[in-house]
Amino acid sequence: MTNRVSRTCRLYGARITRYNALVTSVGYRSYDTCRATNAFGTICSQNSNCVLANTVCIDLTCQCDAGWCYSPNSLSCVRACVQYGDMFTKFVHSYISGNNLIALSAAQYLTPTGCGSACVNTTSFVCLSFELDYTFNKCYLQSVTPFLVSLLDFLRLLTSDTDYYQRHCKYLPGA
């Protein structure tokens, strides 16, 4: 870890076995210098580079495929979570037809961060996914994933100006 203010460096060797296991000291920044190959979150150029079950190469990173949520406890892609976290996977030019429970159009919701925060903070239902529709400038919150709807309702169209985001599991210490 390095501290840019005091210009000091602390060197640690650790075996990371859980998601977000590194804890930084105040003022210090941690750097991950090596990762397992072909696992969730690693660099890829095609789907065959991602060997963890139910992962695909999205934006040059191995991610869980649509419908699957990453579980930092089991280090795998699962269909459902005990609790959902605040991280999402983006699927460009994709959407789930006919399952929008809340539509938001205020400017603060028209970014991945804003719409994602609205999803995480929704209390009237468990928000599992959201969509950003750039044609109509809307953020749509949903309680479904592709596994919970008809196969015909999850659409990936190159002509679509909508991006679909699916929520991952929350890390539960001791689970």
N, C-alpha and C. Protein backbone atom coordinates (compact mmCIF):
# COMPACT_ATOMS: atom_id res chain seq x y z
N MET A 1 0.84 -1.16 0.00
CA MET A 1 0.00 0.00 0.00
C MET A 1 0.89 1.23 0.00
N THR A 2 0.43 2.27 -0.68
CA THR A 2 1.20 3.51 -0.72
C THR A 2 0.39 4.66 -0.14
N ASN A 3 1.08 5.57 0.52
CA ASN A 3 0.49 6.79 1.04
C ASN A 3 1.15 7.95 0.31
N ARG A 4 0.39 8.64 -0.53
CA ARG A 4 0.96 9.71 -1.36
C ARG A 4 1.31 10.95 -0.54
N VAL A 5 0.65 11.14 0.60
CA VAL A 5 0.93 12.33 1.41
C VAL A 5 2.26 12.19 2.14
N SER A 6 2.43 11.09 2.88
CA SER A 6 3.67 10.89 3.64
C SER A 6 4.77 10.25 2.80
N ARG A 7 4.41 9.84 1.56
CA ARG A 7 5.36 9.20 0.65
C ARG A 7 5.99 7.95 1.26
N THR A 8 5.14 7.15 1.89
CA THR A 8 5.60 5.89 2.46
C THR A 8 4.90 4.73 1.76
N CYS A 9 5.52 3.59 1.86
CA CYS A 9 4.98 2.40 1.22
C CYS A 9 4.98 1.27 2.22
N ARG A 10 3.91 0.51 2.27
CA ARG A 10 3.84 -0.71 3.08
C ARG A 10 3.68 -1.87 2.11
N LEU A 11 4.47 -2.89 2.27
CA LEU A 11 4.40 -4.03 1.38
C LEU A 11 3.80 -5.21 2.13
N TYR A 12 2.76 -5.80 1.55
CA TYR A 12 2.10 -6.95 2.14
C TYR A 12 2.05 -8.06 1.11
N GLY A 13 2.17 -9.27 1.57
CA GLY A 13 1.92 -10.43 0.73
C GLY A 13 0.71 -11.13 1.31
N ALA A 14 -0.32 -11.36 0.50
CA ALA A 14 -1.54 -11.95 1.02
C ALA A 14 -2.15 -12.87 -0.02
N ARG A 15 -2.81 -13.90 0.45
CA ARG A 15 -3.57 -14.77 -0.43
C ARG A 15 -5.02 -14.34 -0.31
N ILE A 16 -5.57 -13.80 -1.37
CA ILE A 16 -6.94 -13.30 -1.35
C ILE A 16 -7.88 -14.47 -1.62
N THR A 17 -8.75 -14.76 -0.67
CA THR A 17 -9.69 -15.87 -0.83
C THR A 17 -11.13 -15.42 -0.88
N ARG A 18 -11.39 -14.17 -0.61
CA ARG A 18 -12.74 -13.64 -0.63
C ARG A 18 -12.77 -12.33 -1.39
N TYR A 19 -13.89 -12.03 -1.98
CA TYR A 19 -14.12 -10.79 -2.71
C TYR A 19 -13.94 -9.61 -1.76
N ASN A 20 -13.25 -8.57 -2.19
CA ASN A 20 -13.01 -7.36 -1.41
C ASN A 20 -12.37 -7.66 -0.06
N ALA A 21 -11.42 -8.57 -0.02
CA ALA A 21 -10.80 -8.96 1.25
C ALA A 21 -9.73 -7.97 1.70
N LEU A 22 -9.17 -7.18 0.79
CA LEU A 22 -8.15 -6.22 1.19
C LEU A 22 -8.80 -5.04 1.91
N VAL A 23 -8.24 -4.69 3.06
CA VAL A 23 -8.72 -3.53 3.80
C VAL A 23 -7.58 -2.53 3.83
N THR A 24 -7.85 -1.32 3.38
CA THR A 24 -6.79 -0.33 3.33
C THR A 24 -6.74 0.48 4.61
N SER A 25 -5.55 0.98 4.91
CA SER A 25 -5.38 1.89 6.04
C SER A 25 -5.71 3.30 5.57
N VAL A 26 -6.14 4.16 6.49
CA VAL A 26 -6.49 5.52 6.14
C VAL A 26 -5.30 6.20 5.47
N GLY A 27 -5.55 6.78 4.31
CA GLY A 27 -4.50 7.48 3.57
C GLY A 27 -3.69 6.60 2.65
N TYR A 28 -3.87 5.30 2.73
CA TYR A 28 -3.11 4.37 1.89
C TYR A 28 -4.01 3.81 0.79
N ARG A 29 -3.39 3.40 -0.31
CA ARG A 29 -4.11 2.80 -1.42
C ARG A 29 -3.51 1.43 -1.70
N SER A 30 -4.37 0.40 -1.83
CA SER A 30 -3.91 -0.96 -2.12
C SER A 30 -3.92 -1.21 -3.61
N TYR A 31 -2.98 -2.03 -4.07
CA TYR A 31 -2.91 -2.41 -5.46
C TYR A 31 -2.91 -3.93 -5.56
N ASP A 32 -3.78 -4.44 -6.40
CA ASP A 32 -3.86 -5.87 -6.67
C ASP A 32 -2.92 -6.14 -7.84
N THR A 33 -1.84 -6.88 -7.58
CA THR A 33 -0.82 -7.04 -8.63
C THR A 33 -0.95 -8.34 -9.41
N CYS A 34 -1.72 -9.28 -8.92
CA CYS A 34 -1.92 -10.51 -9.69
C CYS A 34 -3.28 -11.09 -9.37
N ARG A 35 -3.86 -11.77 -10.34
CA ARG A 35 -5.17 -12.39 -10.18
C ARG A 35 -5.14 -13.78 -10.78
N ALA A 36 -6.11 -14.58 -10.35
CA ALA A 36 -6.26 -15.89 -10.97
C ALA A 36 -6.63 -15.68 -12.44
N THR A 37 -6.19 -16.55 -13.30
CA THR A 37 -6.51 -16.40 -14.72
C THR A 37 -7.85 -17.03 -15.02
N ASN A 38 -8.55 -16.44 -15.98
CA ASN A 38 -9.82 -16.96 -16.51
C ASN A 38 -10.93 -17.05 -15.47
N ALA A 39 -10.87 -16.28 -14.39
CA ALA A 39 -11.91 -16.27 -13.37
C ALA A 39 -12.76 -15.02 -13.53
N PHE A 40 -13.78 -14.87 -12.70
CA PHE A 40 -14.64 -13.69 -12.73
C PHE A 40 -13.79 -12.43 -12.55
N GLY A 41 -14.00 -11.46 -13.40
CA GLY A 41 -13.29 -10.19 -13.29
C GLY A 41 -11.94 -10.13 -13.99
N THR A 42 -11.49 -11.22 -14.58
CA THR A 42 -10.19 -11.19 -15.27
C THR A 42 -10.35 -10.70 -16.70
N ILE A 43 -9.27 -10.30 -17.28
CA ILE A 43 -9.26 -9.77 -18.64
C ILE A 43 -9.48 -10.91 -19.64
N CYS A 44 -10.26 -10.64 -20.68
CA CYS A 44 -10.54 -11.64 -21.71
C CYS A 44 -10.67 -10.95 -23.06
N SER A 45 -10.61 -11.75 -24.10
CA SER A 45 -10.85 -11.22 -25.44
C SER A 45 -12.01 -11.94 -26.13
N GLN A 46 -12.40 -13.10 -25.58
CA GLN A 46 -13.52 -13.86 -26.12
C GLN A 46 -14.09 -14.75 -25.02
N ASN A 47 -15.29 -15.27 -25.24
CA ASN A 47 -15.98 -16.07 -24.22
C ASN A 47 -15.17 -17.28 -23.78
N SER A 48 -14.42 -17.88 -24.68
CA SER A 48 -13.66 -19.09 -24.33
C SER A 48 -12.54 -18.79 -23.32
N ASN A 49 -12.18 -17.53 -23.13
CA ASN A 49 -11.18 -17.17 -22.11
C ASN A 49 -11.76 -17.26 -20.70
N CYS A 50 -13.07 -17.29 -20.58
CA CYS A 50 -13.74 -17.29 -19.27
C CYS A 50 -14.16 -18.73 -18.95
N VAL A 51 -13.44 -19.37 -18.04
CA VAL A 51 -13.69 -20.78 -17.76
C VAL A 51 -14.60 -21.02 -16.56
N LEU A 52 -14.85 -20.01 -15.74
CA LEU A 52 -15.79 -20.16 -14.63
C LEU A 52 -17.17 -20.39 -15.23
N ALA A 53 -17.91 -21.35 -14.69
CA ALA A 53 -19.24 -21.69 -15.22
C ALA A 53 -20.13 -20.47 -15.31
N ASN A 54 -20.84 -20.34 -16.42
CA ASN A 54 -21.84 -19.29 -16.66
C ASN A 54 -21.25 -17.88 -16.76
N THR A 55 -19.98 -17.79 -17.20
CA THR A 55 -19.38 -16.49 -17.44
C THR A 55 -19.15 -16.29 -18.94
N VAL A 56 -19.15 -15.02 -19.34
CA VAL A 56 -18.89 -14.63 -20.72
C VAL A 56 -17.98 -13.40 -20.70
N CYS A 57 -17.39 -13.12 -21.83
CA CYS A 57 -16.51 -11.96 -21.96
C CYS A 57 -17.34 -10.74 -22.32
N ILE A 58 -17.41 -9.78 -21.41
CA ILE A 58 -18.17 -8.54 -21.61
C ILE A 58 -17.21 -7.38 -21.39
N ASP A 59 -17.08 -6.52 -22.38
CA ASP A 59 -16.17 -5.37 -22.28
C ASP A 59 -14.77 -5.78 -21.82
N LEU A 60 -14.27 -6.89 -22.40
CA LEU A 60 -12.93 -7.40 -22.14
C LEU A 60 -12.71 -7.88 -20.70
N THR A 61 -13.81 -8.25 -20.01
CA THR A 61 -13.73 -8.75 -18.64
C THR A 61 -14.67 -9.94 -18.49
N CYS A 62 -14.22 -11.02 -17.84
CA CYS A 62 -15.09 -12.17 -17.58
C CYS A 62 -16.15 -11.78 -16.56
N GLN A 63 -17.42 -11.88 -16.96
CA GLN A 63 -18.56 -11.52 -16.12
C GLN A 63 -19.59 -12.64 -16.17
N CYS A 64 -20.50 -12.66 -15.19
CA CYS A 64 -21.60 -13.62 -15.24
C CYS A 64 -22.51 -13.28 -16.42
N ASP A 65 -23.01 -14.30 -17.09
CA ASP A 65 -23.91 -14.10 -18.22
C ASP A 65 -25.26 -13.59 -17.71
N ALA A 66 -26.08 -13.09 -18.62
CA ALA A 66 -27.40 -12.56 -18.26
C ALA A 66 -28.21 -13.61 -17.51
N GLY A 67 -28.81 -13.20 -16.41
CA GLY A 67 -29.59 -14.10 -15.57
C GLY A 67 -28.81 -14.60 -14.37
N TRP A 68 -27.50 -14.64 -14.46
CA TRP A 68 -26.65 -15.12 -13.38
C TRP A 68 -26.10 -13.94 -12.58
N CYS A 69 -26.00 -14.11 -11.25
CA CYS A 69 -25.47 -13.08 -10.36
C CYS A 69 -24.16 -13.58 -9.78
N TYR A 70 -23.18 -12.69 -9.66
CA TYR A 70 -21.92 -13.10 -9.06
C TYR A 70 -22.06 -13.15 -7.54
N SER A 71 -21.65 -14.27 -6.94
CA SER A 71 -21.66 -14.44 -5.49
C SER A 71 -20.22 -14.36 -4.98
N PRO A 72 -19.88 -13.28 -4.26
CA PRO A 72 -18.52 -13.19 -3.71
C PRO A 72 -18.26 -14.20 -2.61
N ASN A 73 -19.31 -14.80 -2.04
CA ASN A 73 -19.11 -15.83 -1.02
C ASN A 73 -18.73 -17.16 -1.64
N SER A 74 -19.41 -17.57 -2.70
CA SER A 74 -19.10 -18.85 -3.33
C SER A 74 -18.12 -18.69 -4.49
N LEU A 75 -17.79 -17.43 -4.84
CA LEU A 75 -16.89 -17.13 -5.96
C LEU A 75 -17.39 -17.78 -7.25
N SER A 76 -18.72 -17.71 -7.45
CA SER A 76 -19.32 -18.32 -8.63
C SER A 76 -20.54 -17.51 -9.07
N CYS A 77 -21.05 -17.86 -10.24
CA CYS A 77 -22.27 -17.23 -10.75
C CYS A 77 -23.46 -18.08 -10.33
N VAL A 78 -24.43 -17.45 -9.68
CA VAL A 78 -25.60 -18.16 -9.13
C VAL A 78 -26.88 -17.55 -9.69
N ARG A 79 -27.97 -18.29 -9.59
CA ARG A 79 -29.26 -17.80 -10.12
C ARG A 79 -29.92 -16.78 -9.20
N ALA A 80 -29.70 -16.87 -7.90
CA ALA A 80 -30.33 -15.95 -6.94
C ALA A 80 -29.39 -15.76 -5.76
N CYS A 81 -29.58 -14.67 -5.04
CA CYS A 81 -28.72 -14.31 -3.91
C CYS A 81 -29.51 -14.34 -2.60
N VAL A 82 -28.82 -14.59 -1.50
CA VAL A 82 -29.42 -14.46 -0.17
C VAL A 82 -29.73 -12.98 0.07
N GLN A 83 -28.76 -12.12 -0.22
CA GLN A 83 -28.92 -10.66 -0.20
C GLN A 83 -28.23 -10.10 -1.44
N TYR A 84 -28.76 -9.01 -1.93
CA TYR A 84 -28.18 -8.40 -3.12
C TYR A 84 -27.31 -7.22 -2.73
N GLY A 85 -26.23 -7.03 -3.49
CA GLY A 85 -25.28 -5.96 -3.21
C GLY A 85 -25.52 -4.74 -4.07
N ASP A 86 -24.46 -3.95 -4.26
CA ASP A 86 -24.59 -2.71 -5.01
C ASP A 86 -23.77 -2.71 -6.30
N MET A 87 -23.37 -3.90 -6.75
CA MET A 87 -22.61 -4.02 -8.00
C MET A 87 -23.50 -4.65 -9.07
N PHE A 88 -23.27 -4.26 -10.32
CA PHE A 88 -24.08 -4.72 -11.45
C PHE A 88 -23.18 -5.10 -12.62
N THR A 89 -23.71 -5.95 -13.51
CA THR A 89 -23.08 -6.22 -14.80
C THR A 89 -23.93 -5.56 -15.87
N LYS A 90 -23.25 -4.89 -16.81
CA LYS A 90 -23.93 -4.17 -17.90
C LYS A 90 -24.00 -5.06 -19.14
N PHE A 91 -25.18 -5.11 -19.75
CA PHE A 91 -25.39 -5.81 -21.01
C PHE A 91 -25.88 -4.76 -22.02
N VAL A 92 -25.00 -4.37 -22.94
CA VAL A 92 -25.35 -3.31 -23.89
C VAL A 92 -26.40 -3.78 -24.88
N HIS A 93 -27.19 -2.81 -25.35
CA HIS A 93 -28.23 -3.06 -26.35
C HIS A 93 -29.16 -4.20 -25.92
N SER A 94 -29.53 -4.24 -24.65
CA SER A 94 -30.35 -5.33 -24.12
C SER A 94 -31.43 -4.78 -23.19
N TYR A 95 -32.53 -5.51 -23.10
CA TYR A 95 -33.59 -5.13 -22.15
C TYR A 95 -34.53 -6.31 -21.94
N ILE A 96 -35.31 -6.23 -20.86
CA ILE A 96 -36.37 -7.19 -20.59
C ILE A 96 -37.68 -6.49 -20.89
N SER A 97 -38.44 -7.02 -21.80
CA SER A 97 -39.67 -6.40 -22.26
C SER A 97 -40.79 -6.55 -21.23
N GLY A 98 -41.48 -5.44 -20.95
CA GLY A 98 -42.72 -5.47 -20.18
C GLY A 98 -42.61 -5.72 -18.70
N ASN A 99 -41.49 -5.43 -18.05
CA ASN A 99 -41.35 -5.70 -16.62
C ASN A 99 -40.85 -4.50 -15.82
N ASN A 100 -41.09 -3.31 -16.30
CA ASN A 100 -40.64 -2.11 -15.62
C ASN A 100 -41.62 -1.74 -14.50
N LEU A 101 -41.14 -1.76 -13.26
CA LEU A 101 -42.00 -1.44 -12.12
C LEU A 101 -41.97 0.05 -11.78
N ILE A 102 -40.83 0.68 -11.94
CA ILE A 102 -40.69 2.11 -11.68
C ILE A 102 -39.93 2.73 -12.84
N ALA A 103 -40.44 3.86 -13.33
CA ALA A 103 -39.76 4.61 -14.39
C ALA A 103 -39.33 5.96 -13.81
N LEU A 104 -38.04 6.27 -13.93
CA LEU A 104 -37.49 7.53 -13.42
C LEU A 104 -36.93 8.33 -14.57
N SER A 105 -37.21 9.64 -14.59
CA SER A 105 -36.72 10.45 -15.69
C SER A 105 -35.92 11.68 -15.22
N ALA A 106 -35.79 11.87 -13.93
CA ALA A 106 -34.98 12.99 -13.43
C ALA A 106 -33.52 12.78 -13.82
N ALA A 107 -32.82 13.86 -14.08
CA ALA A 107 -31.44 13.80 -14.59
C ALA A 107 -30.52 12.96 -13.72
N GLN A 108 -30.69 12.99 -12.39
CA GLN A 108 -29.78 12.25 -11.51
C GLN A 108 -29.90 10.73 -11.67
N TYR A 109 -30.97 10.24 -12.32
CA TYR A 109 -31.16 8.80 -12.51
C TYR A 109 -30.75 8.33 -13.90
N LEU A 110 -30.31 9.22 -14.77
CA LEU A 110 -30.04 8.86 -16.16
C LEU A 110 -28.58 8.49 -16.41
N THR A 111 -27.91 7.99 -15.38
CA THR A 111 -26.55 7.46 -15.49
C THR A 111 -26.55 6.08 -14.84
N PRO A 112 -25.58 5.24 -15.16
CA PRO A 112 -25.52 3.94 -14.49
C PRO A 112 -25.43 4.08 -12.97
N THR A 113 -24.66 5.04 -12.48
CA THR A 113 -24.52 5.23 -11.03
C THR A 113 -25.84 5.68 -10.41
N GLY A 114 -26.50 6.64 -11.02
CA GLY A 114 -27.76 7.15 -10.48
C GLY A 114 -28.88 6.13 -10.51
N CYS A 115 -29.03 5.45 -11.63
CA CYS A 115 -30.08 4.44 -11.75
C CYS A 115 -29.77 3.25 -10.85
N GLY A 116 -28.48 2.87 -10.77
CA GLY A 116 -28.08 1.78 -9.88
C GLY A 116 -28.36 2.10 -8.43
N SER A 117 -28.09 3.32 -8.01
CA SER A 117 -28.39 3.74 -6.63
C SER A 117 -29.88 3.68 -6.36
N ALA A 118 -30.68 4.11 -7.32
CA ALA A 118 -32.14 4.04 -7.16
C ALA A 118 -32.58 2.59 -6.99
N CYS A 119 -31.99 1.69 -7.76
CA CYS A 119 -32.32 0.26 -7.65
C CYS A 119 -31.96 -0.28 -6.27
N VAL A 120 -30.74 -0.01 -5.82
CA VAL A 120 -30.27 -0.51 -4.53
C VAL A 120 -31.11 0.05 -3.38
N ASN A 121 -31.53 1.31 -3.49
CA ASN A 121 -32.24 1.97 -2.40
C ASN A 121 -33.76 1.81 -2.44
N THR A 122 -34.29 1.13 -3.45
CA THR A 122 -35.73 0.89 -3.53
C THR A 122 -36.16 -0.06 -2.42
N THR A 123 -37.24 0.30 -1.72
CA THR A 123 -37.73 -0.53 -0.61
C THR A 123 -39.08 -1.18 -0.89
N SER A 124 -39.78 -0.77 -1.94
CA SER A 124 -41.10 -1.34 -2.22
C SER A 124 -41.04 -2.73 -2.84
N PHE A 125 -39.86 -3.13 -3.34
CA PHE A 125 -39.64 -4.47 -3.89
C PHE A 125 -38.13 -4.69 -3.95
N VAL A 126 -37.72 -5.95 -4.16
CA VAL A 126 -36.30 -6.23 -4.32
C VAL A 126 -35.95 -5.96 -5.78
N CYS A 127 -35.17 -4.92 -5.99
CA CYS A 127 -34.77 -4.54 -7.34
C CYS A 127 -33.60 -5.43 -7.75
N LEU A 128 -33.81 -6.25 -8.77
CA LEU A 128 -32.79 -7.19 -9.25
C LEU A 128 -32.05 -6.66 -10.48
N SER A 129 -32.66 -5.70 -11.17
CA SER A 129 -32.06 -5.20 -12.40
C SER A 129 -32.64 -3.83 -12.73
N PHE A 130 -31.92 -3.14 -13.61
CA PHE A 130 -32.45 -1.87 -14.13
C PHE A 130 -32.02 -1.71 -15.58
N GLU A 131 -32.72 -0.82 -16.25
CA GLU A 131 -32.41 -0.51 -17.64
C GLU A 131 -32.28 1.00 -17.80
N LEU A 132 -31.33 1.39 -18.63
CA LEU A 132 -31.21 2.79 -19.02
C LEU A 132 -31.61 2.89 -20.48
N ASP A 133 -32.71 3.59 -20.72
CA ASP A 133 -33.23 3.78 -22.07
C ASP A 133 -32.80 5.17 -22.54
N TYR A 134 -31.85 5.20 -23.47
CA TYR A 134 -31.29 6.46 -23.93
C TYR A 134 -32.16 7.14 -24.98
N THR A 135 -33.11 6.43 -25.57
CA THR A 135 -34.03 7.04 -26.53
C THR A 135 -35.04 7.92 -25.81
N PHE A 136 -35.63 7.38 -24.73
CA PHE A 136 -36.67 8.09 -23.99
C PHE A 136 -36.15 8.72 -22.69
N ASN A 137 -34.83 8.64 -22.45
CA ASN A 137 -34.22 9.19 -21.23
C ASN A 137 -34.95 8.73 -19.97
N LYS A 138 -34.95 7.40 -19.79
CA LYS A 138 -35.63 6.79 -18.64
C LYS A 138 -34.72 5.78 -17.96
N CYS A 139 -34.90 5.67 -16.67
CA CYS A 139 -34.29 4.62 -15.85
C CYS A 139 -35.44 3.74 -15.39
N TYR A 140 -35.40 2.46 -15.72
CA TYR A 140 -36.47 1.54 -15.35
C TYR A 140 -35.94 0.54 -14.31
N LEU A 141 -36.65 0.42 -13.20
CA LEU A 141 -36.29 -0.53 -12.14
C LEU A 141 -37.16 -1.77 -12.27
N GLN A 142 -36.53 -2.94 -12.03
CA GLN A 142 -37.23 -4.22 -12.24
C GLN A 142 -36.96 -5.20 -11.11
N SER A 143 -37.89 -6.11 -10.92
CA SER A 143 -37.72 -7.16 -9.92
C SER A 143 -37.48 -8.51 -10.59
N VAL A 144 -36.98 -8.49 -11.81
CA VAL A 144 -36.77 -9.72 -12.58
C VAL A 144 -35.37 -9.78 -13.18
N THR A 145 -34.99 -10.99 -13.56
CA THR A 145 -33.79 -11.25 -14.35
C THR A 145 -34.27 -12.09 -15.54
N PRO A 146 -33.41 -12.34 -16.52
CA PRO A 146 -33.85 -13.17 -17.65
C PRO A 146 -34.36 -14.56 -17.25
N PHE A 147 -33.93 -15.10 -16.11
CA PHE A 147 -34.43 -16.41 -15.68
C PHE A 147 -35.87 -16.37 -15.19
N LEU A 148 -36.35 -15.18 -14.83
CA LEU A 148 -37.68 -15.05 -14.25
C LEU A 148 -38.73 -14.62 -15.26
N VAL A 149 -38.35 -14.50 -16.52
CA VAL A 149 -39.29 -14.11 -17.57
C VAL A 149 -39.19 -15.10 -18.73
N SER A 150 -40.10 -14.98 -19.67
CA SER A 150 -40.05 -15.81 -20.87
C SER A 150 -38.77 -15.52 -21.64
N LEU A 151 -38.21 -16.54 -22.28
CA LEU A 151 -37.01 -16.35 -23.09
C LEU A 151 -37.20 -15.29 -24.16
N LEU A 152 -38.44 -15.10 -24.60
CA LEU A 152 -38.72 -14.12 -25.64
C LEU A 152 -38.72 -12.69 -25.12
N ASP A 153 -38.76 -12.52 -23.78
CA ASP A 153 -38.82 -11.17 -23.20
C ASP A 153 -37.45 -10.54 -23.01
N PHE A 154 -36.37 -11.34 -22.96
CA PHE A 154 -35.03 -10.76 -22.84
C PHE A 154 -34.47 -10.58 -24.23
N LEU A 155 -34.26 -9.33 -24.60
CA LEU A 155 -33.87 -9.02 -25.96
C LEU A 155 -32.50 -8.36 -26.03
N ARG A 156 -31.67 -8.84 -26.94
CA ARG A 156 -30.38 -8.22 -27.26
C ARG A 156 -30.44 -7.79 -28.71
N LEU A 157 -30.57 -6.49 -28.92
CA LEU A 157 -30.71 -5.95 -30.27
C LEU A 157 -29.68 -4.86 -30.50
N LEU A 158 -28.90 -4.99 -31.53
CA LEU A 158 -27.88 -3.99 -31.84
C LEU A 158 -28.49 -2.61 -32.12
N THR A 159 -29.76 -2.60 -32.50
CA THR A 159 -30.42 -1.33 -32.78
C THR A 159 -31.03 -0.70 -31.54
N SER A 160 -31.01 -1.39 -30.41
CA SER A 160 -31.60 -0.87 -29.18
C SER A 160 -30.69 0.17 -28.54
N ASP A 161 -31.30 1.23 -28.03
CA ASP A 161 -30.57 2.25 -27.28
C ASP A 161 -30.81 2.07 -25.78
N THR A 162 -30.98 0.83 -25.37
CA THR A 162 -31.22 0.51 -23.96
C THR A 162 -30.15 -0.45 -23.48
N ASP A 163 -29.62 -0.18 -22.30
CA ASP A 163 -28.66 -1.09 -21.67
C ASP A 163 -29.29 -1.69 -20.42
N TYR A 164 -29.08 -2.99 -20.25
CA TYR A 164 -29.61 -3.75 -19.12
C TYR A 164 -28.50 -3.97 -18.10
N TYR A 165 -28.81 -3.79 -16.81
CA TYR A 165 -27.85 -3.98 -15.73
C TYR A 165 -28.44 -4.98 -14.73
N GLN A 166 -27.67 -6.01 -14.42
CA GLN A 166 -28.13 -7.02 -13.47
C GLN A 166 -27.31 -6.97 -12.19
N ARG A 167 -28.00 -7.06 -11.08
CA ARG A 167 -27.40 -6.90 -9.74
C ARG A 167 -26.71 -8.17 -9.28
N HIS A 168 -25.59 -8.00 -8.56
CA HIS A 168 -24.84 -9.11 -7.99
C HIS A 168 -25.16 -9.30 -6.52
N CYS A 169 -24.69 -10.40 -5.97
CA CYS A 169 -24.91 -10.71 -4.56
C CYS A 169 -24.04 -9.85 -3.67
N LYS A 170 -24.49 -9.68 -2.46
CA LYS A 170 -23.72 -8.97 -1.43
C LYS A 170 -22.78 -9.95 -0.75
N TYR A 171 -21.58 -9.49 -0.41
CA TYR A 171 -20.65 -10.33 0.35
C TYR A 171 -21.14 -10.40 1.79
N LEU A 172 -21.30 -11.61 2.32
CA LEU A 172 -21.79 -11.82 3.68
C LEU A 172 -20.67 -12.48 4.49
N PRO A 173 -19.98 -11.71 5.35
CA PRO A 173 -18.90 -12.30 6.16
C PRO A 173 -19.41 -13.48 6.98
N GLY A 174 -18.64 -14.51 7.02
CA GLY A 174 -19.00 -15.70 7.81
C GLY A 174 -19.97 -16.64 7.12
N ALA A 175 -20.44 -16.26 5.93
CA ALA A 175 -21.41 -17.15 5.24
C ALA A 175 -20.67 -18.19 4.43
